[in-house]
Amino acid sequence: MNNAPLSQSMQYIRFDVQKNNRLLSALSEPCRGVIHLAVLTGLRTGELLALRCKRVDLLRATIEVAGTYSDAEFGPPKTRNSNGTILIRGFFRALNVLEDQESGPSGQTN
């Protein structure tokens, strides 16, 4: 186990729009939507797995993070700061852009 302080052991990955778009275009649904949501919201894997429909408010464009899934068990979020509500308006805009890029001139998917 790495005993270095958290700030020294963390590695940051620079977001690259082109690489992200290539990844998303190579995936099919539902994987593409899940990965896209993770990238745009920063939700952890366990938070995504614990996400329930009742926690998604499409009218307000929000997701309530209220739990996590790990080791085959549902539980509270990893940290107190993980509990909360995330705006997902940007996710909807990004989905529309991606859909427009995949649609041909007649609006049909390639």
C-alpha atoms as a PDB file:
ATOM      1  CA  MET A   1       0.000   0.000   0.000  1.00  0.00           C
ATOM      2  CA  ASN A   2       1.198   3.504  -0.817  1.00  0.00           C
ATOM      3  CA  ASN A   3       1.805   5.495   2.377  1.00  0.00           C
ATOM      4  CA  ALA A   4       2.452   8.790   0.590  1.00  0.00           C
ATOM      5  CA  PRO A   5       0.195  11.727   1.530  1.00  0.00           C
ATOM      6  CA  LEU A   6      -2.923  11.900  -0.619  1.00  0.00           C
ATOM      7  CA  SER A   7      -1.794  15.055  -2.427  1.00  0.00           C
ATOM      8  CA  GLN A   8       1.438  13.310  -3.488  1.00  0.00           C
ATOM      9  CA  SER A   9      -0.133   9.989  -4.453  1.00  0.00           C
ATOM     10  CA  MET A  10      -3.007  11.382  -6.545  1.00  0.00           C
ATOM     11  CA  GLN A  11      -2.544  11.524 -10.265  1.00  0.00           C
ATOM     12  CA  TYR A  12      -4.613  13.947 -12.278  1.00  0.00           C
ATOM     13  CA  ILE A  13      -5.632  13.123 -15.800  1.00  0.00           C
ATOM     14  CA  ARG A  14      -6.061  16.090 -18.079  1.00  0.00           C
ATOM     15  CA  PHE A  15      -9.452  16.109 -19.790  1.00  0.00           C
ATOM     16  CA  ASP A  16      -9.064  15.805 -23.538  1.00  0.00           C
ATOM     17  CA  VAL A  17     -12.227  16.587 -25.501  1.00  0.00           C
ATOM     18  CA  GLN A  18     -11.061  14.825 -28.678  1.00  0.00           C
ATOM     19  CA  LYS A  19     -10.122  11.630 -26.828  1.00  0.00           C
ATOM     20  CA  ASN A  20     -13.402  11.713 -24.920  1.00  0.00           C
ATOM     21  CA  ASN A  21     -15.379  12.119 -28.165  1.00  0.00           C
ATOM     22  CA  ARG A  22     -13.489   9.235 -29.795  1.00  0.00           C
ATOM     23  CA  LEU A  23     -14.187   7.031 -26.798  1.00  0.00           C
ATOM     24  CA  LEU A  24     -17.877   7.913 -26.761  1.00  0.00           C
ATOM     25  CA  SER A  25     -18.273   7.350 -30.495  1.00  0.00           C
ATOM     26  CA  ALA A  26     -16.704   3.876 -30.130  1.00  0.00           C
ATOM     27  CA  LEU A  27     -19.189   2.842 -27.425  1.00  0.00           C
ATOM     28  CA  SER A  28     -22.772   1.737 -27.835  1.00  0.00           C
ATOM     29  CA  GLU A  29     -25.637   2.384 -25.460  1.00  0.00           C
ATOM     30  CA  PRO A  30     -26.052   2.008 -22.550  1.00  0.00           C
ATOM     31  CA  CYS A  31     -22.277   2.167 -21.969  1.00  0.00           C
ATOM     32  CA  ARG A  32     -21.922   5.445 -23.873  1.00  0.00           C
ATOM     33  CA  GLY A  33     -24.512   7.211 -21.718  1.00  0.00           C
ATOM     34  CA  VAL A  34     -23.017   5.958 -18.455  1.00  0.00           C
ATOM     35  CA  ILE A  35     -19.459   6.944 -19.399  1.00  0.00           C
ATOM     36  CA  HIS A  36     -20.668  10.309 -20.681  1.00  0.00           C
ATOM     37  CA  LEU A  37     -22.522  10.955 -17.424  1.00  0.00           C
ATOM     38  CA  ALA A  38     -19.435   9.974 -15.406  1.00  0.00           C
ATOM     39  CA  VAL A  39     -17.155  12.287 -17.387  1.00  0.00           C
ATOM     40  CA  LEU A  40     -19.479  15.280 -17.202  1.00  0.00           C
ATOM     41  CA  THR A  41     -20.492  14.919 -13.552  1.00  0.00           C
ATOM     42  CA  GLY A  42     -17.439  13.385 -11.896  1.00  0.00           C
ATOM     43  CA  LEU A  43     -19.595  10.701 -10.266  1.00  0.00           C
ATOM     44  CA  ARG A  44     -17.623   7.754  -8.935  1.00  0.00           C
ATOM     45  CA  THR A  45     -18.320   4.242 -10.228  1.00  0.00           C
ATOM     46  CA  GLY A  46     -20.105   3.234  -7.019  1.00  0.00           C
ATOM     47  CA  GLU A  47     -22.252   6.371  -7.139  1.00  0.00           C
ATOM     48  CA  LEU A  48     -23.260   5.598 -10.721  1.00  0.00           C
ATOM     49  CA  LEU A  49     -24.103   1.994  -9.802  1.00  0.00           C
ATOM     50  CA  ALA A  50     -26.236   3.164  -6.861  1.00  0.00           C
ATOM     51  CA  LEU A  51     -28.114   5.744  -8.923  1.00  0.00           C
ATOM     52  CA  ARG A  52     -31.878   5.191  -8.929  1.00  0.00           C
ATOM     53  CA  CYS A  53     -34.558   6.697 -11.166  1.00  0.00           C
ATOM     54  CA  LYS A  54     -36.228   8.380  -8.202  1.00  0.00           C
ATOM     55  CA  ARG A  55     -32.983  10.349  -7.648  1.00  0.00           C
ATOM     56  CA  VAL A  56     -33.065  11.842 -11.167  1.00  0.00           C
ATOM     57  CA  ASP A  57     -35.222  14.938 -11.676  1.00  0.00           C
ATOM     58  CA  LEU A  58     -35.484  15.590 -15.406  1.00  0.00           C
ATOM     59  CA  LEU A  59     -37.558  18.756 -14.961  1.00  0.00           C
ATOM     60  CA  ARG A  60     -34.918  20.385 -12.754  1.00  0.00           C
ATOM     61  CA  ALA A  61     -32.064  18.610 -14.586  1.00  0.00           C
ATOM     62  CA  THR A  62     -30.552  17.292 -11.357  1.00  0.00           C
ATOM     63  CA  ILE A  63     -29.264  14.053  -9.870  1.00  0.00           C
ATOM     64  CA  GLU A  64     -29.322  13.463  -6.140  1.00  0.00           C
ATOM     65  CA  VAL A  65     -26.280  11.500  -4.973  1.00  0.00           C
ATOM     66  CA  ALA A  66     -27.525   9.552  -1.969  1.00  0.00           C
ATOM     67  CA  GLY A  67     -25.574   6.329  -1.971  1.00  0.00           C
ATOM     68  CA  THR A  68     -22.863   4.119  -3.345  1.00  0.00           C
ATOM     69  CA  TYR A  69     -22.449   0.491  -4.350  1.00  0.00           C
ATOM     70  CA  SER A  70     -19.338  -1.428  -3.363  1.00  0.00           C
ATOM     71  CA  ASP A  71     -18.495  -5.041  -2.556  1.00  0.00           C
ATOM     72  CA  ALA A  72     -22.038  -6.139  -3.520  1.00  0.00           C
ATOM     73  CA  GLU A  73     -23.605  -3.774  -0.974  1.00  0.00           C
ATOM     74  CA  PHE A  74     -25.391  -0.443  -1.128  1.00  0.00           C
ATOM     75  CA  GLY A  75     -24.246   2.124   1.380  1.00  0.00           C
ATOM     76  CA  PRO A  76     -23.836   5.826   2.058  1.00  0.00           C
ATOM     77  CA  PRO A  77     -21.658   7.958  -0.244  1.00  0.00           C
ATOM     78  CA  LYS A  78     -17.894   7.662   0.182  1.00  0.00           C
ATOM     79  CA  THR A  79     -17.572  11.084   1.825  1.00  0.00           C
ATOM     80  CA  ARG A  80     -19.960  13.584   3.378  1.00  0.00           C
ATOM     81  CA  ASN A  81     -19.213  15.964   0.497  1.00  0.00           C
ATOM     82  CA  SER A  82     -20.378  13.291  -1.969  1.00  0.00           C
ATOM     83  CA  ASN A  83     -23.941  13.641  -0.675  1.00  0.00           C
ATOM     84  CA  GLY A  84     -25.739  16.261  -2.680  1.00  0.00           C
ATOM     85  CA  THR A  85     -27.383  17.335  -5.872  1.00  0.00           C
ATOM     86  CA  ILE A  86     -25.637  17.659  -9.218  1.00  0.00           C
ATOM     87  CA  LEU A  87     -26.912  19.782 -12.103  1.00  0.00           C
ATOM     88  CA  ILE A  88     -26.983  17.790 -15.341  1.00  0.00           C
ATOM     89  CA  ARG A  89     -28.082  20.457 -17.851  1.00  0.00           C
ATOM     90  CA  GLY A  90     -24.665  20.193 -19.508  1.00  0.00           C
ATOM     91  CA  PHE A  91     -25.165  16.437 -19.833  1.00  0.00           C
ATOM     92  CA  PHE A  92     -28.379  16.969 -21.801  1.00  0.00           C
ATOM     93  CA  ARG A  93     -26.714  19.574 -24.038  1.00  0.00           C
ATOM     94  CA  ALA A  94     -23.787  17.227 -24.652  1.00  0.00           C
ATOM     95  CA  LEU A  95     -26.144  14.365 -25.529  1.00  0.00           C
ATOM     96  CA  ASN A  96     -27.871  16.580 -28.068  1.00  0.00           C
ATOM     97  CA  VAL A  97     -24.542  17.576 -29.640  1.00  0.00           C
ATOM     98  CA  LEU A  98     -23.418  13.944 -29.810  1.00  0.00           C
ATOM     99  CA  GLU A  99     -26.741  12.928 -31.349  1.00  0.00           C
ATOM    100  CA  ASP A 100     -26.479  15.725 -33.930  1.00  0.00           C
ATOM    101  CA  GLN A 101     -22.946  14.604 -34.850  1.00  0.00           C
ATOM    102  CA  GLU A 102     -24.128  11.031 -35.397  1.00  0.00           C
ATOM    103  CA  SER A 103     -27.170  11.963 -37.437  1.00  0.00           C
ATOM    104  CA  GLY A 104     -26.834  12.329 -41.148  1.00  0.00           C
ATOM    105  CA  PRO A 105     -28.381  15.181 -43.129  1.00  0.00           C
ATOM    106  CA  SER A 106     -31.765  13.448 -43.081  1.00  0.00           C
ATOM    107  CA  GLY A 107     -31.638  13.047 -39.287  1.00  0.00           C
ATOM    108  CA  GLN A 108     -31.017   9.303 -39.482  1.00  0.00           C
ATOM    109  CA  THR A 109     -28.367   7.705 -37.318  1.00  0.00           C
ATOM    110  CA  ASN A 110     -25.257   6.566 -39.188  1.00  0.00           C
END
